[in-house]
Structures are given as C-alpha cells and as structure tokens.
Amino acid sequence: MPDLKDYSGMAALSICEALLLAMNDRKILPEGEIIGVLRDAAATHENATGAEADMETHRAVSDLINRIIAGGNSVRRPQSN
C-alpha cells in the first residue's frame, strides 16, 4: 500500500504536469521549452552523486522523467486519427 510520500509525489507530479500543460496552452512556454525543462530535471538526477541507495532513487526519477518526455504527457499534441 502506498504511503504518504507516494501520495505526495503523485500529487506533485500531477500538479506540475497541469502547470506545464497550462503554460503551453496559454503560449507562455512553447513545447520545446517545456521539453527542455524536463530534460534539465532528468539531467539533474542523472548527474547526482551519493550513496547507492540514493543513486537508485535518482535513476528511477530520471527514468520516469524521460518516459514522460517520450510519452508526450506534458504537452498537448494533436491526436492522429
């Protein structure tokens, strides 16, 4: 069963995704800038140093961010029919 930390992380991710979508929709940040923000966040975790337990967490976070980039979840893209 997820604990409070898991819920906090899921809430933070949902809020950030909603903010990125809103900034793109309102043309505050273009798609390229949003992808850049996500890549910067992933790189921060990819380049982290520390104990092995901490590194596992950083790798998992980086992997998740890279999956978000690949999936296009943080920008609205036209649906192809």
PDB file of N, CA and C in Angstrom:
ATOM      1  N   MET A   1       0.850  -1.179   0.000  1.00  0.00           N
ATOM      2  CA  MET A   1       0.000   0.000   0.000  1.00  0.00           C
ATOM      3  C   MET A   1       0.896   1.242   0.000  1.00  0.00           C
ATOM      4  N   PRO A   2       0.588   2.222  -0.881  1.00  0.00           N
ATOM      5  CA  PRO A   2       1.400   3.437  -0.924  1.00  0.00           C
ATOM      6  C   PRO A   2       1.350   4.194   0.404  1.00  0.00           C
ATOM      7  N   ASP A   3       2.453   4.867   0.726  1.00  0.00           N
ATOM      8  CA  ASP A   3       2.470   5.673   1.939  1.00  0.00           C
ATOM      9  C   ASP A   3       2.318   7.152   1.583  1.00  0.00           C
ATOM     10  N   LEU A   4       2.348   8.010   2.597  1.00  0.00           N
ATOM     11  CA  LEU A   4       2.136   9.447   2.389  1.00  0.00           C
ATOM     12  C   LEU A   4       3.144  10.023   1.398  1.00  0.00           C
ATOM     13  N   LYS A   5       4.387   9.539   1.423  1.00  0.00           N
ATOM     14  CA  LYS A   5       5.406  10.019   0.499  1.00  0.00           C
ATOM     15  C   LYS A   5       5.000   9.723  -0.944  1.00  0.00           C
ATOM     16  N   ASP A   6       4.449   8.527  -1.186  1.00  0.00           N
ATOM     17  CA  ASP A   6       3.991   8.184  -2.528  1.00  0.00           C
ATOM     18  C   ASP A   6       2.873   9.117  -2.974  1.00  0.00           C
ATOM     19  N   TYR A   7       1.912   9.370  -2.089  1.00  0.00           N
ATOM     20  CA  TYR A   7       0.805  10.264  -2.428  1.00  0.00           C
ATOM     21  C   TYR A   7       1.306  11.674  -2.704  1.00  0.00           C
ATOM     22  N   SER A   8       2.247  12.130  -1.913  1.00  0.00           N
ATOM     23  CA  SER A   8       2.805  13.473  -2.117  1.00  0.00           C
ATOM     24  C   SER A   8       3.498  13.560  -3.470  1.00  0.00           C
ATOM     25  N   GLY A   9       4.241  12.548  -3.823  1.00  0.00           N
ATOM     26  CA  GLY A   9       4.932  12.525  -5.115  1.00  0.00           C
ATOM     27  C   GLY A   9       3.959  12.504  -6.276  1.00  0.00           C
ATOM     28  N   MET A  10       2.908  11.701  -6.175  1.00  0.00           N
ATOM     29  CA  MET A  10       1.898  11.640  -7.232  1.00  0.00           C
ATOM     30  C   MET A  10       1.172  12.969  -7.373  1.00  0.00           C
ATOM     31  N   ALA A  11       0.862  13.593  -6.250  1.00  0.00           N
ATOM     32  CA  ALA A  11       0.196  14.893  -6.291  1.00  0.00           C
ATOM     33  C   ALA A  11       1.101  15.934  -6.934  1.00  0.00           C
ATOM     34  N   ALA A  12       2.371  15.959  -6.549  1.00  0.00           N
ATOM     35  CA  ALA A  12       3.317  16.922  -7.109  1.00  0.00           C
ATOM     36  C   ALA A  12       3.471  16.721  -8.617  1.00  0.00           C
ATOM     37  N   LEU A  13       3.561  15.476  -9.050  1.00  0.00           N
ATOM     38  CA  LEU A  13       3.686  15.184 -10.473  1.00  0.00           C
ATOM     39  C   LEU A  13       2.453  15.664 -11.234  1.00  0.00           C
ATOM     40  N   SER A  14       1.280  15.407 -10.710  1.00  0.00           N
ATOM     41  CA  SER A  14       0.039  15.835 -11.364  1.00  0.00           C
ATOM     42  C   SER A  14      -0.057  17.350 -11.451  1.00  0.00           C
ATOM     43  N   ILE A  15       0.310  18.029 -10.375  1.00  0.00           N
ATOM     44  CA  ILE A  15       0.274  19.491 -10.354  1.00  0.00           C
ATOM     45  C   ILE A  15       1.255  20.059 -11.373  1.00  0.00           C
ATOM     46  N   CYS A  16       2.472  19.526 -11.404  1.00  0.00           N
ATOM     47  CA  CYS A  16       3.483  20.018 -12.346  1.00  0.00           C
ATOM     48  C   CYS A  16       3.056  19.777 -13.788  1.00  0.00           C
ATOM     49  N   GLU A  17       2.493  18.603 -14.045  1.00  0.00           N
ATOM     50  CA  GLU A  17       2.026  18.313 -15.398  1.00  0.00           C
ATOM     51  C   GLU A  17       0.924  19.292 -15.799  1.00  0.00           C
ATOM     52  N   ALA A  18      -0.004  19.559 -14.901  1.00  0.00           N
ATOM     53  CA  ALA A  18      -1.081  20.502 -15.191  1.00  0.00           C
ATOM     54  C   ALA A  18      -0.526  21.903 -15.456  1.00  0.00           C
ATOM     55  N   LEU A  19       0.471  22.314 -14.694  1.00  0.00           N
ATOM     56  CA  LEU A  19       1.084  23.632 -14.909  1.00  0.00           C
ATOM     57  C   LEU A  19       1.788  23.705 -16.255  1.00  0.00           C
ATOM     58  N   LEU A  20       2.516  22.653 -16.622  1.00  0.00           N
ATOM     59  CA  LEU A  20       3.195  22.641 -17.917  1.00  0.00           C
ATOM     60  C   LEU A  20       2.181  22.694 -19.058  1.00  0.00           C
ATOM     61  N   LEU A  21       1.100  21.932 -18.937  1.00  0.00           N
ATOM     62  CA  LEU A  21       0.058  21.966 -19.958  1.00  0.00           C
ATOM     63  C   LEU A  21      -0.580  23.351 -20.065  1.00  0.00           C
ATOM     64  N   ALA A  22      -0.868  23.965 -18.921  1.00  0.00           N
ATOM     65  CA  ALA A  22      -1.474  25.299 -18.921  1.00  0.00           C
ATOM     66  C   ALA A  22      -0.533  26.337 -19.532  1.00  0.00           C
ATOM     67  N   MET A  23       0.754  26.254 -19.211  1.00  0.00           N
ATOM     68  CA  MET A  23       1.718  27.208 -19.779  1.00  0.00           C
ATOM     69  C   MET A  23       1.830  27.025 -21.286  1.00  0.00           C
ATOM     70  N   ASN A  24       1.749  25.791 -21.756  1.00  0.00           N
ATOM     71  CA  ASN A  24       1.789  25.553 -23.194  1.00  0.00           C
ATOM     72  C   ASN A  24       0.504  26.026 -23.858  1.00  0.00           C
ATOM     73  N   ASP A  25      -0.644  25.713 -23.260  1.00  0.00           N
ATOM     74  CA  ASP A  25      -1.935  26.129 -23.815  1.00  0.00           C
ATOM     75  C   ASP A  25      -2.040  27.644 -23.938  1.00  0.00           C
ATOM     76  N   ARG A  26      -1.512  28.355 -22.958  1.00  0.00           N
ATOM     77  CA  ARG A  26      -1.593  29.833 -22.941  1.00  0.00           C
ATOM     78  C   ARG A  26      -0.413  30.487 -23.657  1.00  0.00           C
ATOM     79  N   LYS A  27       0.407  29.633 -24.272  1.00  0.00           N
ATOM     80  CA  LYS A  27       1.561  30.092 -25.044  1.00  0.00           C
ATOM     81  C   LYS A  27       2.560  30.883 -24.200  1.00  0.00           C
ATOM     82  N   ILE A  28       2.663  30.521 -22.931  1.00  0.00           N
ATOM     83  CA  ILE A  28       3.663  31.113 -22.043  1.00  0.00           C
ATOM     84  C   ILE A  28       5.003  30.438 -22.296  1.00  0.00           C
ATOM     85  N   LEU A  29       4.967  29.119 -22.466  1.00  0.00           N
ATOM     86  CA  LEU A  29       6.160  28.345 -22.809  1.00  0.00           C
ATOM     87  C   LEU A  29       5.835  27.465 -24.005  1.00  0.00           C
ATOM     88  N   PRO A  30       6.669  27.509 -25.037  1.00  0.00           N
ATOM     89  CA  PRO A  30       6.436  26.614 -26.167  1.00  0.00           C
ATOM     90  C   PRO A  30       6.868  25.182 -25.810  1.00  0.00           C
ATOM     91  N   GLU A  31       6.429  24.233 -26.623  1.00  0.00           N
ATOM     92  CA  GLU A  31       6.729  22.824 -26.375  1.00  0.00           C
ATOM     93  C   GLU A  31       8.223  22.574 -26.182  1.00  0.00           C
ATOM     94  N   GLY A  32       9.046  23.190 -27.016  1.00  0.00           N
ATOM     95  CA  GLY A  32      10.494  22.988 -26.911  1.00  0.00           C
ATOM     96  C   GLY A  32      11.051  23.400 -25.557  1.00  0.00           C
ATOM     97  N   GLU A  33      10.541  24.492 -25.009  1.00  0.00           N
ATOM     98  CA  GLU A  33      10.985  24.948 -23.691  1.00  0.00           C
ATOM     99  C   GLU A  33      10.537  23.983 -22.594  1.00  0.00           C
ATOM    100  N   ILE A  34       9.319  23.480 -22.717  1.00  0.00           N
ATOM    101  CA  ILE A  34       8.813  22.529 -21.724  1.00  0.00           C
ATOM    102  C   ILE A  34       9.653  21.263 -21.747  1.00  0.00           C
ATOM    103  N   ILE A  35       9.962  20.762 -22.939  1.00  0.00           N
ATOM    104  CA  ILE A  35      10.814  19.581 -23.049  1.00  0.00           C
ATOM    105  C   ILE A  35      12.192  19.892 -22.458  1.00  0.00           C
ATOM    106  N   GLY A  36      12.685  21.092 -22.674  1.00  0.00           N
ATOM    107  CA  GLY A  36      13.966  21.493 -22.098  1.00  0.00           C
ATOM    108  C   GLY A  36      13.955  21.481 -20.581  1.00  0.00           C
ATOM    109  N   VAL A  37      12.876  21.965 -19.983  1.00  0.00           N
ATOM    110  CA  VAL A  37      12.730  21.939 -18.527  1.00  0.00           C
ATOM    111  C   VAL A  37      12.778  20.504 -18.028  1.00  0.00           C
ATOM    112  N   LEU A  38      12.041  19.638 -18.709  1.00  0.00           N
ATOM    113  CA  LEU A  38      12.022  18.225 -18.301  1.00  0.00           C
ATOM    114  C   LEU A  38      13.394  17.576 -18.479  1.00  0.00           C
ATOM    115  N   ARG A  39      14.072  17.879 -19.574  1.00  0.00           N
ATOM    116  CA  ARG A  39      15.419  17.320 -19.794  1.00  0.00           C
ATOM    117  C   ARG A  39      16.391  17.813 -18.726  1.00  0.00           C
ATOM    118  N   ASP A  40      16.288  19.084 -18.355  1.00  0.00           N
ATOM    119  CA  ASP A  40      17.142  19.621 -17.283  1.00  0.00           C
ATOM    120  C   ASP A  40      16.886  18.887 -15.971  1.00  0.00           C
ATOM    121  N   ALA A  41      15.612  18.643 -15.678  1.00  0.00           N
ATOM    122  CA  ALA A  41      15.274  17.932 -14.444  1.00  0.00           C
ATOM    123  C   ALA A  41      15.833  16.513 -14.469  1.00  0.00           C
ATOM    124  N   ALA A  42      15.694  15.834 -15.616  1.00  0.00           N
ATOM    125  CA  ALA A  42      16.237  14.477 -15.740  1.00  0.00           C
ATOM    126  C   ALA A  42      17.755  14.492 -15.581  1.00  0.00           C
ATOM    127  N   ALA A  43      18.413  15.457 -16.214  1.00  0.00           N
ATOM    128  CA  ALA A  43      19.880  15.538 -16.147  1.00  0.00           C
ATOM    129  C   ALA A  43      20.360  15.770 -14.721  1.00  0.00           C
ATOM    130  N   THR A  44      19.618  16.553 -13.957  1.00  0.00           N
ATOM    131  CA  THR A  44      19.987  16.781 -12.561  1.00  0.00           C
ATOM    132  C   THR A  44      20.069  15.457 -11.815  1.00  0.00           C
ATOM    133  N   HIS A  45      19.110  14.588 -12.044  1.00  0.00           N
ATOM    134  CA  HIS A  45      19.103  13.288 -11.366  1.00  0.00           C
ATOM    135  C   HIS A  45      20.118  12.329 -11.979  1.00  0.00           C
ATOM    136  N   GLU A  46      20.343  12.422 -13.281  1.00  0.00           N
ATOM    137  CA  GLU A  46      21.328  11.562 -13.937  1.00  0.00           C
ATOM    138  C   GLU A  46      22.737  11.879 -13.450  1.00  0.00           C
ATOM    139  N   ASN A  47      22.991  13.127 -13.116  1.00  0.00           N
ATOM    140  CA  ASN A  47      24.327  13.562 -12.707  1.00  0.00           C
ATOM    141  C   ASN A  47      24.519  13.611 -11.193  1.00  0.00           C
ATOM    142  N   ALA A  48      23.517  13.178 -10.450  1.00  0.00           N
ATOM    143  CA  ALA A  48      23.607  13.204  -8.984  1.00  0.00           C
ATOM    144  C   ALA A  48      24.662  12.211  -8.499  1.00  0.00           C
ATOM    145  N   THR A  49      25.185  12.509  -7.344  1.00  0.00           N
ATOM    146  CA  THR A  49      26.146  11.603  -6.712  1.00  0.00           C
ATOM    147  C   THR A  49      25.672  11.319  -5.298  1.00  0.00           C
ATOM    148  N   GLY A  50      26.187  10.253  -4.727  1.00  0.00           N
ATOM    149  CA  GLY A  50      25.823   9.929  -3.358  1.00  0.00           C
ATOM    150  C   GLY A  50      25.864   8.436  -3.104  1.00  0.00           C
ATOM    151  N   ALA A  51      25.241   8.046  -2.016  1.00  0.00           N
ATOM    152  CA  ALA A  51      25.189   6.640  -1.629  1.00  0.00           C
ATOM    153  C   ALA A  51      24.385   5.848  -2.660  1.00  0.00           C
ATOM    154  N   GLU A  52      24.665   4.547  -2.752  1.00  0.00           N
ATOM    155  CA  GLU A  52      23.992   3.708  -3.748  1.00  0.00           C
ATOM    156  C   GLU A  52      22.473   3.746  -3.613  1.00  0.00           C
ATOM    157  N   ALA A  53      21.964   3.741  -2.399  1.00  0.00           N
ATOM    158  CA  ALA A  53      20.507   3.810  -2.194  1.00  0.00           C
ATOM    159  C   ALA A  53      19.945   5.105  -2.775  1.00  0.00           C
ATOM    160  N   ASP A  54      20.657   6.205  -2.584  1.00  0.00           N
ATOM    161  CA  ASP A  54      20.228   7.482  -3.152  1.00  0.00           C
ATOM    162  C   ASP A  54      20.315   7.456  -4.676  1.00  0.00           C
ATOM    163  N   MET A  55      21.346   6.810  -5.201  1.00  0.00           N
ATOM    164  CA  MET A  55      21.532   6.740  -6.644  1.00  0.00           C
ATOM    165  C   MET A  55      20.407   5.951  -7.310  1.00  0.00           C
ATOM    166  N   GLU A  56      19.934   4.909  -6.648  1.00  0.00           N
ATOM    167  CA  GLU A  56      18.806   4.145  -7.186  1.00  0.00           C
ATOM    168  C   GLU A  56      17.579   5.042  -7.327  1.00  0.00           C
ATOM    169  N   THR A  57      17.354   5.869  -6.331  1.00  0.00           N
ATOM    170  CA  THR A  57      16.226   6.805  -6.379  1.00  0.00           C
ATOM    171  C   THR A  57      16.415   7.797  -7.515  1.00  0.00           C
ATOM    172  N   HIS A  58      17.621   8.362  -7.637  1.00  0.00           N
ATOM    173  CA  HIS A  58      17.885   9.332  -8.709  1.00  0.00           C
ATOM    174  C   HIS A  58      17.703   8.697 -10.080  1.00  0.00           C
ATOM    175  N   ARG A  59      18.170   7.459 -10.263  1.00  0.00           N
ATOM    176  CA  ARG A  59      17.993   6.773 -11.550  1.00  0.00           C
ATOM    177  C   ARG A  59      16.511   6.557 -11.849  1.00  0.00           C
ATOM    178  N   ALA A  60      15.749   6.170 -10.844  1.00  0.00           N
ATOM    179  CA  ALA A  60      14.316   5.940 -11.038  1.00  0.00           C
ATOM    180  C   ALA A  60      13.603   7.237 -11.414  1.00  0.00           C
ATOM    181  N   VAL A  61      13.967   8.331 -10.758  1.00  0.00           N
ATOM    182  CA  VAL A  61      13.352   9.630 -11.068  1.00  0.00           C
ATOM    183  C   VAL A  61      13.712  10.047 -12.487  1.00  0.00           C
ATOM    184  N   SER A  62      14.982   9.915 -12.847  1.00  0.00           N
ATOM    185  CA  SER A  62      15.424  10.258 -14.196  1.00  0.00           C
ATOM    186  C   SER A  62      14.700   9.412 -15.236  1.00  0.00           C
ATOM    187  N   ASP A  63      14.581   8.121 -14.984  1.00  0.00           N
ATOM    188  CA  ASP A  63      13.868   7.235 -15.913  1.00  0.00           C
ATOM    189  C   ASP A  63      12.418   7.674 -16.088  1.00  0.00           C
ATOM    190  N   LEU A  64      11.762   8.024 -14.989  1.00  0.00           N
ATOM    191  CA  LEU A  64      10.368   8.469 -15.051  1.00  0.00           C
ATOM    192  C   LEU A  64      10.237   9.740 -15.884  1.00  0.00           C
ATOM    193  N   ILE A  65      11.102  10.711 -15.640  1.00  0.00           N
ATOM    194  CA  ILE A  65      11.057  11.965 -16.397  1.00  0.00           C
ATOM    195  C   ILE A  65      11.279  11.687 -17.882  1.00  0.00           C
ATOM    196  N   ASN A  66      12.225  10.825 -18.200  1.00  0.00           N
ATOM    197  CA  ASN A  66      12.484  10.502 -19.602  1.00  0.00           C
ATOM    198  C   ASN A  66      11.308   9.778 -20.247  1.00  0.00           C
ATOM    199  N   ARG A  67      10.582   8.970 -19.488  1.00  0.00           N
ATOM    200  CA  ARG A  67       9.371   8.324 -20.014  1.00  0.00           C
ATOM    201  C   ARG A  67       8.275   9.374 -20.261  1.00  0.00           C
ATOM    202  N   ILE A  68       8.195  10.369 -19.389  1.00  0.00           N
ATOM    203  CA  ILE A  68       7.220  11.448 -19.592  1.00  0.00           C
ATOM    204  C   ILE A  68       7.550  12.199 -20.880  1.00  0.00           C
ATOM    205  N   ILE A  69       8.826  12.494 -21.096  1.00  0.00           N
ATOM    206  CA  ILE A  69       9.240  13.177 -22.327  1.00  0.00           C
ATOM    207  C   ILE A  69       8.874  12.325 -23.539  1.00  0.00           C
ATOM    208  N   ALA A  70       9.217  11.054 -23.515  1.00  0.00           N
ATOM    209  CA  ALA A  70       8.959  10.158 -24.647  1.00  0.00           C
ATOM    210  C   ALA A  70       7.465   9.993 -24.909  1.00  0.00           C
ATOM    211  N   GLY A  71       6.672   9.999 -23.840  1.00  0.00           N
ATOM    212  CA  GLY A  71       5.238   9.804 -23.992  1.00  0.00           C
ATOM    213  C   GLY A  71       4.484  11.051 -24.363  1.00  0.00           C
ATOM    214  N   GLY A  72       5.132  12.204 -24.274  1.00  0.00           N
ATOM    215  CA  GLY A  72       4.466  13.455 -24.630  1.00  0.00           C
ATOM    216  C   GLY A  72       3.368  13.856 -23.677  1.00  0.00           C
ATOM    217  N   ASN A  73       3.438  13.424 -22.432  1.00  0.00           N
ATOM    218  CA  ASN A  73       2.362  13.695 -21.482  1.00  0.00           C
ATOM    219  C   ASN A  73       2.307  15.140 -21.008  1.00  0.00           C
ATOM    220  N   SER A  74       3.365  15.906 -21.182  1.00  0.00           N
ATOM    221  CA  SER A  74       3.380  17.251 -20.610  1.00  0.00           C
ATOM    222  C   SER A  74       3.133  18.347 -21.634  1.00  0.00           C
ATOM    223  N   VAL A  75       2.826  17.944 -22.859  1.00  0.00           N
ATOM    224  CA  VAL A  75       2.388  18.897 -23.879  1.00  0.00           C
ATOM    225  C   VAL A  75       1.225  18.269 -24.622  1.00  0.00           C
ATOM    226  N   ARG A  76       0.297  19.103 -25.021  1.00  0.00           N
ATOM    227  CA  ARG A  76      -0.837  18.576 -25.775  1.00  0.00           C
ATOM    228  C   ARG A  76      -0.416  18.515 -27.246  1.00  0.00           C
ATOM    229  N   ARG A  77      -0.487  17.340 -27.784  1.00  0.00           N
ATOM    230  CA  ARG A  77      -0.126  17.165 -29.186  1.00  0.00           C
ATOM    231  C   ARG A  77      -1.391  16.790 -29.949  1.00  0.00           C
ATOM    232  N   PRO A  78      -1.482  17.218 -31.189  1.00  0.00           N
ATOM    233  CA  PRO A  78      -2.679  16.870 -31.978  1.00  0.00           C
ATOM    234  C   PRO A  78      -2.841  15.363 -32.040  1.00  0.00           C
ATOM    235  N   GLN A  79      -4.084  14.913 -31.910  1.00  0.00           N
ATOM    236  CA  GLN A  79      -4.391  13.494 -31.998  1.00  0.00           C
ATOM    237  C   GLN A  79      -4.424  13.095 -33.471  1.00  0.00           C
ATOM    238  N   SER A  80      -3.772  11.992 -33.795  1.00  0.00           N
ATOM    239  CA  SER A  80      -3.841  11.489 -35.169  1.00  0.00           C
ATOM    240  C   SER A  80      -4.930  10.441 -35.250  1.00  0.00           C
ATOM    241  N   ASN A  81      -5.727  10.511 -36.277  1.00  0.00           N
ATOM    242  CA  ASN A  81      -6.837   9.561 -36.451  1.00  0.00           C
ATOM    243  C   ASN A  81      -6.513   8.546 -37.488  1.00  0.00           C
TER     244      ASN A  81
END
